[in-house]
């Protein structure tokens, strides 16, 4: 599952902090650390960030 979707669901109140951490496969303290970081830092190291983005130049 896409980590961004899980975190967004938590921020919108659909998941408890414990449920969010469980879905992400992290400890609660790690979740707190993830949420404290900026979104760019979170996804820079995520496998979900490795998506194909075509070049703007042709």
PDB file of N, CA and C in Angstrom:
ATOM      1  N   UNK A   1       0.839  -1.174   0.000  1.00  0.00           N
ATOM      2  CA  UNK A   1       0.000   0.000   0.000  1.00  0.00           C
ATOM      3  C   UNK A   1       0.888   1.242   0.000  1.00  0.00           C
ATOM      4  N   UNK A   2       0.456   2.260  -0.681  1.00  0.00           N
ATOM      5  CA  UNK A   2       1.192   3.508  -0.788  1.00  0.00           C
ATOM      6  C   UNK A   2       1.253   4.201   0.575  1.00  0.00           C
ATOM      7  N   UNK A   3       2.454   4.505   1.027  1.00  0.00           N
ATOM      8  CA  UNK A   3       2.641   5.126   2.338  1.00  0.00           C
ATOM      9  C   UNK A   3       1.934   6.469   2.433  1.00  0.00           C
ATOM     10  N   UNK A   4       1.904   7.198   1.336  1.00  0.00           N
ATOM     11  CA  UNK A   4       1.218   8.503   1.348  1.00  0.00           C
ATOM     12  C   UNK A   4      -0.259   8.345   1.649  1.00  0.00           C
ATOM     13  N   UNK A   5      -0.885   7.328   1.088  1.00  0.00           N
ATOM     14  CA  UNK A   5      -2.311   7.104   1.325  1.00  0.00           C
ATOM     15  C   UNK A   5      -2.573   6.747   2.785  1.00  0.00           C
ATOM     16  N   UNK A   6      -1.689   5.936   3.349  1.00  0.00           N
ATOM     17  CA  UNK A   6      -1.849   5.542   4.756  1.00  0.00           C
ATOM     18  C   UNK A   6      -1.720   6.760   5.656  1.00  0.00           C
ATOM     19  N   UNK A   7      -0.695   7.577   5.412  1.00  0.00           N
ATOM     20  CA  UNK A   7      -0.488   8.765   6.240  1.00  0.00           C
ATOM     21  C   UNK A   7      -1.627   9.754   6.051  1.00  0.00           C
ATOM     22  N   UNK A   8      -2.108   9.912   4.829  1.00  0.00           N
ATOM     23  CA  UNK A   8      -3.256  10.803   4.604  1.00  0.00           C
ATOM     24  C   UNK A   8      -4.498  10.290   5.319  1.00  0.00           C
ATOM     25  N   UNK A   9      -4.708   8.987   5.310  1.00  0.00           N
ATOM     26  CA  UNK A   9      -5.857   8.412   6.020  1.00  0.00           C
ATOM     27  C   UNK A   9      -5.744   8.679   7.516  1.00  0.00           C
ATOM     28  N   UNK A  10      -4.539   8.574   8.052  1.00  0.00           N
ATOM     29  CA  UNK A  10      -4.322   8.876   9.470  1.00  0.00           C
ATOM     30  C   UNK A  10      -4.610  10.352   9.758  1.00  0.00           C
ATOM     31  N   UNK A  11      -4.078  11.226   8.924  1.00  0.00           N
ATOM     32  CA  UNK A  11      -4.273  12.664   9.133  1.00  0.00           C
ATOM     33  C   UNK A  11      -5.726  13.076   8.995  1.00  0.00           C
ATOM     34  N   UNK A  12      -6.497  12.341   8.194  1.00  0.00           N
ATOM     35  CA  UNK A  12      -7.920  12.653   8.038  1.00  0.00           C
ATOM     36  C   UNK A  12      -8.779  11.989   9.108  1.00  0.00           C
ATOM     37  N   UNK A  13      -8.160  11.181   9.966  1.00  0.00           N
ATOM     38  CA  UNK A  13      -8.884  10.591  11.080  1.00  0.00           C
ATOM     39  C   UNK A  13      -9.467   9.218  10.824  1.00  0.00           C
ATOM     40  N   UNK A  14      -9.110   8.590   9.709  1.00  0.00           N
ATOM     41  CA  UNK A  14      -9.643   7.269   9.401  1.00  0.00           C
ATOM     42  C   UNK A  14      -8.886   6.149  10.104  1.00  0.00           C
ATOM     43  N   UNK A  15      -7.651   6.422  10.531  1.00  0.00           N
ATOM     44  CA  UNK A  15      -6.831   5.440  11.229  1.00  0.00           C
ATOM     45  C   UNK A  15      -6.341   6.025  12.543  1.00  0.00           C
ATOM     46  N   UNK A  16      -6.198   5.166  13.531  1.00  0.00           N
ATOM     47  CA  UNK A  16      -5.568   5.577  14.775  1.00  0.00           C
ATOM     48  C   UNK A  16      -4.056   5.568  14.557  1.00  0.00           C
ATOM     49  N   UNK A  17      -3.308   6.231  15.437  1.00  0.00           N
ATOM     50  CA  UNK A  17      -1.847   6.178  15.286  1.00  0.00           C
ATOM     51  C   UNK A  17      -1.316   4.743  15.304  1.00  0.00           C
ATOM     52  N   UNK A  18      -1.881   3.899  16.153  1.00  0.00           N
ATOM     53  CA  UNK A  18      -1.438   2.498  16.231  1.00  0.00           C
ATOM     54  C   UNK A  18      -1.733   1.757  14.926  1.00  0.00           C
ATOM     55  N   UNK A  19      -2.915   1.963  14.362  1.00  0.00           N
ATOM     56  CA  UNK A  19      -3.265   1.309  13.099  1.00  0.00           C
ATOM     57  C   UNK A  19      -2.365   1.785  11.963  1.00  0.00           C
ATOM     58  N   UNK A  20      -2.096   3.072  11.931  1.00  0.00           N
ATOM     59  CA  UNK A  20      -1.229   3.638  10.903  1.00  0.00           C
ATOM     60  C   UNK A  20       0.164   3.019  10.983  1.00  0.00           C
ATOM     61  N   UNK A  21       0.720   2.962  12.178  1.00  0.00           N
ATOM     62  CA  UNK A  21       2.046   2.376  12.366  1.00  0.00           C
ATOM     63  C   UNK A  21       2.051   0.909  11.953  1.00  0.00           C
ATOM     64  N   UNK A  22       0.986   0.195  12.282  1.00  0.00           N
ATOM     65  CA  UNK A  22       0.912  -1.226  11.951  1.00  0.00           C
ATOM     66  C   UNK A  22       0.866  -1.434  10.439  1.00  0.00           C
ATOM     67  N   UNK A  23       0.071  -0.643   9.737  1.00  0.00           N
ATOM     68  CA  UNK A  23      -0.025  -0.775   8.284  1.00  0.00           C
ATOM     69  C   UNK A  23       1.319  -0.450   7.631  1.00  0.00           C
ATOM     70  N   UNK A  24       2.009   0.563   8.150  1.00  0.00           N
ATOM     71  CA  UNK A  24       3.302   0.945   7.601  1.00  0.00           C
ATOM     72  C   UNK A  24       4.417  -0.008   8.006  1.00  0.00           C
ATOM     73  N   UNK A  25       4.165  -0.809   9.031  1.00  0.00           N
ATOM     74  CA  UNK A  25       5.173  -1.753   9.492  1.00  0.00           C
ATOM     75  C   UNK A  25       6.274  -1.101  10.305  1.00  0.00           C
ATOM     76  N   UNK A  26       5.911  -0.082  11.084  1.00  0.00           N
ATOM     77  CA  UNK A  26       6.886   0.619  11.917  1.00  0.00           C
ATOM     78  C   UNK A  26       6.383   0.667  13.356  1.00  0.00           C
ATOM     79  N   UNK A  27       7.293   0.981  14.259  1.00  0.00           N
ATOM     80  CA  UNK A  27       6.923   1.183  15.657  1.00  0.00           C
ATOM     81  C   UNK A  27       6.273   2.560  15.797  1.00  0.00           C
ATOM     82  N   UNK A  28       5.529   2.739  16.857  1.00  0.00           N
ATOM     83  CA  UNK A  28       4.831   4.005  17.079  1.00  0.00           C
ATOM     84  C   UNK A  28       5.801   5.188  17.123  1.00  0.00           C
ATOM     85  N   UNK A  29       6.950   5.025  17.759  1.00  0.00           N
ATOM     86  CA  UNK A  29       7.944   6.100  17.836  1.00  0.00           C
ATOM     87  C   UNK A  29       8.440   6.462  16.438  1.00  0.00           C
ATOM     88  N   UNK A  30       8.650   5.461  15.596  1.00  0.00           N
ATOM     89  CA  UNK A  30       9.087   5.722  14.225  1.00  0.00           C
ATOM     90  C   UNK A  30       8.015   6.495  13.459  1.00  0.00           C
ATOM     91  N   UNK A  31       6.754   6.182  13.719  1.00  0.00           N
ATOM     92  CA  UNK A  31       5.660   6.903  13.077  1.00  0.00           C
ATOM     93  C   UNK A  31       5.699   8.368  13.480  1.00  0.00           C
ATOM     94  N   UNK A  32       5.894   8.635  14.749  1.00  0.00           N
ATOM     95  CA  UNK A  32       5.976  10.015  15.221  1.00  0.00           C
ATOM     96  C   UNK A  32       7.111  10.756  14.517  1.00  0.00           C
ATOM     97  N   UNK A  33       8.239  10.075  14.353  1.00  0.00           N
ATOM     98  CA  UNK A  33       9.380  10.681  13.666  1.00  0.00           C
ATOM     99  C   UNK A  33       9.049  10.945  12.192  1.00  0.00           C
ATOM    100  N   UNK A  34       8.384   9.993  11.545  1.00  0.00           N
ATOM    101  CA  UNK A  34       8.009  10.167  10.143  1.00  0.00           C
ATOM    102  C   UNK A  34       7.085  11.361   9.966  1.00  0.00           C
ATOM    103  N   UNK A  35       6.118  11.489  10.842  1.00  0.00           N
ATOM    104  CA  UNK A  35       5.154  12.577  10.730  1.00  0.00           C
ATOM    105  C   UNK A  35       5.790  13.924  11.022  1.00  0.00           C
ATOM    106  N   UNK A  36       6.868  13.931  11.792  1.00  0.00           N
ATOM    107  CA  UNK A  36       7.553  15.177  12.110  1.00  0.00           C
ATOM    108  C   UNK A  36       8.383  15.680  10.942  1.00  0.00           C
ATOM    109  N   UNK A  37       8.799  14.782  10.067  1.00  0.00           N
ATOM    110  CA  UNK A  37       9.589  15.167   8.899  1.00  0.00           C
ATOM    111  C   UNK A  37       8.693  15.780   7.833  1.00  0.00           C
ATOM    112  N   UNK A  38       9.273  16.469   6.909  1.00  0.00           N
ATOM    113  CA  UNK A  38       8.487  17.007   5.804  1.00  0.00           C
ATOM    114  C   UNK A  38       8.098  15.874   4.866  1.00  0.00           C
ATOM    115  N   UNK A  39       7.078  16.066   4.078  1.00  0.00           N
ATOM    116  CA  UNK A  39       6.598  15.037   3.158  1.00  0.00           C
ATOM    117  C   UNK A  39       7.677  14.653   2.154  1.00  0.00           C
ATOM    118  N   UNK A  40       8.472  15.607   1.706  1.00  0.00           N
ATOM    119  CA  UNK A  40       9.543  15.295   0.754  1.00  0.00           C
ATOM    120  C   UNK A  40      10.549  14.336   1.356  1.00  0.00           C
ATOM    121  N   UNK A  41      10.915  14.548   2.605  1.00  0.00           N
ATOM    122  CA  UNK A  41      11.881  13.675   3.255  1.00  0.00           C
ATOM    123  C   UNK A  41      11.316  12.278   3.445  1.00  0.00           C
ATOM    124  N   UNK A  42      10.051  12.164   3.738  1.00  0.00           N
ATOM    125  CA  UNK A  42       9.427  10.860   3.956  1.00  0.00           C
ATOM    126  C   UNK A  42       9.489  10.026   2.686  1.00  0.00           C
ATOM    127  N   UNK A  43       9.115  10.616   1.567  1.00  0.00           N
ATOM    128  CA  UNK A  43       8.963   9.836   0.349  1.00  0.00           C
ATOM    129  C   UNK A  43      10.244   9.728  -0.461  1.00  0.00           C
ATOM    130  N   UNK A  44      11.240  10.535  -0.136  1.00  0.00           N
ATOM    131  CA  UNK A  44      12.501  10.465  -0.868  1.00  0.00           C
ATOM    132  C   UNK A  44      13.132   9.086  -0.714  1.00  0.00           C
ATOM    133  N   UNK A  45      12.985   8.472   0.454  1.00  0.00           N
ATOM    134  CA  UNK A  45      13.605   7.180   0.733  1.00  0.00           C
ATOM    135  C   UNK A  45      12.634   6.017   0.569  1.00  0.00           C
ATOM    136  N   UNK A  46      11.422   6.298   0.195  1.00  0.00           N
ATOM    137  CA  UNK A  46      10.393   5.274   0.065  1.00  0.00           C
ATOM    138  C   UNK A  46      10.478   4.585  -1.288  1.00  0.00           C
ATOM    139  N   UNK A  47      10.189   3.300  -1.310  1.00  0.00           N
ATOM    140  CA  UNK A  47      10.140   2.589  -2.589  1.00  0.00           C
ATOM    141  C   UNK A  47       8.965   3.086  -3.422  1.00  0.00           C
ATOM    142  N   UNK A  48       7.962   3.664  -2.763  1.00  0.00           N
ATOM    143  CA  UNK A  48       6.804   4.195  -3.479  1.00  0.00           C
ATOM    144  C   UNK A  48       7.187   5.421  -4.306  1.00  0.00           C
ATOM    145  N   UNK A  49       8.288   6.063  -3.956  1.00  0.00           N
ATOM    146  CA  UNK A  49       8.723   7.255  -4.683  1.00  0.00           C
ATOM    147  C   UNK A  49       9.431   6.886  -5.973  1.00  0.00           C
ATOM    148  N   UNK A  50       9.752   5.628  -6.156  1.00  0.00           N
ATOM    149  CA  UNK A  50      10.483   5.203  -7.353  1.00  0.00           C
ATOM    150  C   UNK A  50       9.510   4.925  -8.486  1.00  0.00           C
ATOM    151  N   UNK A  51       8.845   5.964  -8.925  1.00  0.00           N
ATOM    152  CA  UNK A  51       7.893   5.828 -10.024  1.00  0.00           C
ATOM    153  C   UNK A  51       8.500   6.437 -11.279  1.00  0.00           C
ATOM    154  N   UNK A  52       8.030   6.005 -12.397  1.00  0.00           N
ATOM    155  CA  UNK A  52       8.532   6.512 -13.669  1.00  0.00           C
ATOM    156  C   UNK A  52       7.995   7.908 -13.911  1.00  0.00           C
ATOM    157  N   UNK A  53       8.900   8.833 -14.172  1.00  0.00           N
ATOM    158  CA  UNK A  53       8.517  10.191 -14.502  1.00  0.00           C
ATOM    159  C   UNK A  53       9.220  10.560 -15.796  1.00  0.00           C
ATOM    160  N   UNK A  54       8.460  10.693 -16.871  1.00  0.00           N
ATOM    161  CA  UNK A  54       9.098  10.986 -18.153  1.00  0.00           C
ATOM    162  C   UNK A  54       9.792  12.347 -18.127  1.00  0.00           C
ATOM    163  N   UNK A  55      10.822  12.448 -18.903  1.00  0.00           N
ATOM    164  CA  UNK A  55      11.584  13.680 -18.993  1.00  0.00           C
ATOM    165  C   UNK A  55      10.767  14.744 -19.715  1.00  0.00           C
ATOM    166  N   UNK A  56      10.947  16.011 -19.296  1.00  0.00           N
ATOM    167  CA  UNK A  56      10.228  17.113 -19.936  1.00  0.00           C
ATOM    168  C   UNK A  56      10.829  17.440 -21.290  1.00  0.00           C
ATOM    169  N   UNK A  57      12.097  17.132 -21.485  1.00  0.00           N
ATOM    170  CA  UNK A  57      12.742  17.423 -22.765  1.00  0.00           C
ATOM    171  C   UNK A  57      12.521  16.271 -23.732  1.00  0.00           C
ATOM    172  N   UNK A  58      12.432  16.608 -25.006  1.00  0.00           N
ATOM    173  CA  UNK A  58      12.213  15.580 -26.018  1.00  0.00           C
ATOM    174  C   UNK A  58      13.279  15.626 -27.061  1.00  0.00           C
TER     175      UNK A  58
END
